[in-house]
């Protein structure tokens, strides 16, 4: 696990992580991550649509918890 990188990511984005940043961290394409979120395959993110508009959210705590399987170090 790349805990130091994850910690730095959480410090830089304490509330929500942009999809492009999460995709880069995971080593996947942004479109693939968005598709997985849309299909409810990613428990750490969600999307919404309102007419032609839509968006994605990846809460930082959910992302970090998913990556560490809920066992984040205490000094995190």
C-alpha atoms as a PDB file:
ATOM      1  CA  UNK A   1       0.000   0.000   0.000  1.00  0.00           C
ATOM      2  CA  UNK A   2       1.224   3.477  -0.823  1.00  0.00           C
ATOM      3  CA  UNK A   3       0.238   4.966   2.526  1.00  0.00           C
ATOM      4  CA  UNK A   4       2.458   8.042   2.315  1.00  0.00           C
ATOM      5  CA  UNK A   5       1.032   8.941  -1.105  1.00  0.00           C
ATOM      6  CA  UNK A   6      -2.494   8.348   0.175  1.00  0.00           C
ATOM      7  CA  UNK A   7      -1.849  10.509   3.225  1.00  0.00           C
ATOM      8  CA  UNK A   8      -0.533  13.342   1.032  1.00  0.00           C
ATOM      9  CA  UNK A   9      -3.568  12.978  -1.236  1.00  0.00           C
ATOM     10  CA  UNK A  10      -5.923  13.210   1.755  1.00  0.00           C
ATOM     11  CA  UNK A  11      -4.123  16.283   3.054  1.00  0.00           C
ATOM     12  CA  UNK A  12      -4.335  17.993  -0.340  1.00  0.00           C
ATOM     13  CA  UNK A  13      -8.024  17.081  -0.813  1.00  0.00           C
ATOM     14  CA  UNK A  14      -9.499  16.799   2.707  1.00  0.00           C
ATOM     15  CA  UNK A  15     -13.165  16.720   1.637  1.00  0.00           C
ATOM     16  CA  UNK A  16     -13.476  15.307  -1.894  1.00  0.00           C
ATOM     17  CA  UNK A  17     -10.955  13.957  -4.381  1.00  0.00           C
ATOM     18  CA  UNK A  18     -11.375  14.961  -8.040  1.00  0.00           C
ATOM     19  CA  UNK A  19     -12.061  12.055 -10.397  1.00  0.00           C
ATOM     20  CA  UNK A  20      -8.921  12.804 -12.426  1.00  0.00           C
ATOM     21  CA  UNK A  21      -6.767  12.614  -9.291  1.00  0.00           C
ATOM     22  CA  UNK A  22      -8.388   9.406  -8.013  1.00  0.00           C
ATOM     23  CA  UNK A  23      -8.068   7.805 -11.445  1.00  0.00           C
ATOM     24  CA  UNK A  24      -4.379   8.688 -11.633  1.00  0.00           C
ATOM     25  CA  UNK A  25      -3.810   7.294  -8.122  1.00  0.00           C
ATOM     26  CA  UNK A  26      -5.585   4.048  -9.041  1.00  0.00           C
ATOM     27  CA  UNK A  27      -3.861   3.796 -12.430  1.00  0.00           C
ATOM     28  CA  UNK A  28      -7.084   3.779 -14.448  1.00  0.00           C
ATOM     29  CA  UNK A  29      -8.558   6.031 -17.112  1.00  0.00           C
ATOM     30  CA  UNK A  30     -10.888   8.793 -15.924  1.00  0.00           C
ATOM     31  CA  UNK A  31     -13.668   7.570 -18.210  1.00  0.00           C
ATOM     32  CA  UNK A  32     -13.361   4.056 -16.808  1.00  0.00           C
ATOM     33  CA  UNK A  33     -13.618   5.335 -13.231  1.00  0.00           C
ATOM     34  CA  UNK A  34     -16.631   7.472 -14.130  1.00  0.00           C
ATOM     35  CA  UNK A  35     -18.296   4.453 -15.796  1.00  0.00           C
ATOM     36  CA  UNK A  36     -17.645   2.302 -12.726  1.00  0.00           C
ATOM     37  CA  UNK A  37     -19.131   4.985 -10.465  1.00  0.00           C
ATOM     38  CA  UNK A  38     -22.176   5.315 -12.749  1.00  0.00           C
ATOM     39  CA  UNK A  39     -22.677   1.523 -12.597  1.00  0.00           C
ATOM     40  CA  UNK A  40     -22.384   1.502  -8.781  1.00  0.00           C
ATOM     41  CA  UNK A  41     -19.215  -0.605  -8.972  1.00  0.00           C
ATOM     42  CA  UNK A  42     -17.239   1.841  -6.807  1.00  0.00           C
ATOM     43  CA  UNK A  43     -18.484   2.039  -3.256  1.00  0.00           C
ATOM     44  CA  UNK A  44     -16.355   5.133  -2.599  1.00  0.00           C
ATOM     45  CA  UNK A  45     -17.920   7.439  -5.206  1.00  0.00           C
ATOM     46  CA  UNK A  46     -21.282   8.530  -6.512  1.00  0.00           C
ATOM     47  CA  UNK A  47     -22.707  10.411  -9.458  1.00  0.00           C
ATOM     48  CA  UNK A  48     -25.899  12.289 -10.233  1.00  0.00           C
ATOM     49  CA  UNK A  49     -27.761  13.602 -13.242  1.00  0.00           C
ATOM     50  CA  UNK A  50     -30.135  16.517 -13.470  1.00  0.00           C
ATOM     51  CA  UNK A  51     -31.286  16.904 -17.041  1.00  0.00           C
ATOM     52  CA  UNK A  52     -28.215  17.451 -19.187  1.00  0.00           C
ATOM     53  CA  UNK A  53     -26.043  18.251 -16.176  1.00  0.00           C
ATOM     54  CA  UNK A  54     -24.366  15.808 -13.872  1.00  0.00           C
ATOM     55  CA  UNK A  55     -21.420  15.342 -11.626  1.00  0.00           C
ATOM     56  CA  UNK A  56     -19.272  12.993  -9.592  1.00  0.00           C
ATOM     57  CA  UNK A  57     -18.155  13.015  -5.974  1.00  0.00           C
ATOM     58  CA  UNK A  58     -15.457  10.960  -4.337  1.00  0.00           C
ATOM     59  CA  UNK A  59     -15.449  11.738  -0.608  1.00  0.00           C
ATOM     60  CA  UNK A  60     -11.895  11.580   0.696  1.00  0.00           C
ATOM     61  CA  UNK A  61     -12.728   9.521   3.779  1.00  0.00           C
ATOM     62  CA  UNK A  62     -14.656   6.931   1.729  1.00  0.00           C
ATOM     63  CA  UNK A  63     -11.798   6.651  -0.801  1.00  0.00           C
ATOM     64  CA  UNK A  64      -9.113   6.236   1.868  1.00  0.00           C
ATOM     65  CA  UNK A  65     -11.225   3.771   3.830  1.00  0.00           C
ATOM     66  CA  UNK A  66     -11.890   1.699   0.690  1.00  0.00           C
ATOM     67  CA  UNK A  67      -8.196   1.601  -0.191  1.00  0.00           C
ATOM     68  CA  UNK A  68      -7.128   0.570   3.306  1.00  0.00           C
ATOM     69  CA  UNK A  69     -10.074  -1.803   3.762  1.00  0.00           C
ATOM     70  CA  UNK A  70     -11.223   0.291   6.722  1.00  0.00           C
ATOM     71  CA  UNK A  71      -7.935  -0.107   8.591  1.00  0.00           C
ATOM     72  CA  UNK A  72      -6.401   3.348   8.294  1.00  0.00           C
ATOM     73  CA  UNK A  73      -3.428   3.938  10.618  1.00  0.00           C
ATOM     74  CA  UNK A  74      -4.100   6.118  13.656  1.00  0.00           C
ATOM     75  CA  UNK A  75      -1.654   8.798  12.528  1.00  0.00           C
ATOM     76  CA  UNK A  76      -3.470   9.214   9.251  1.00  0.00           C
END
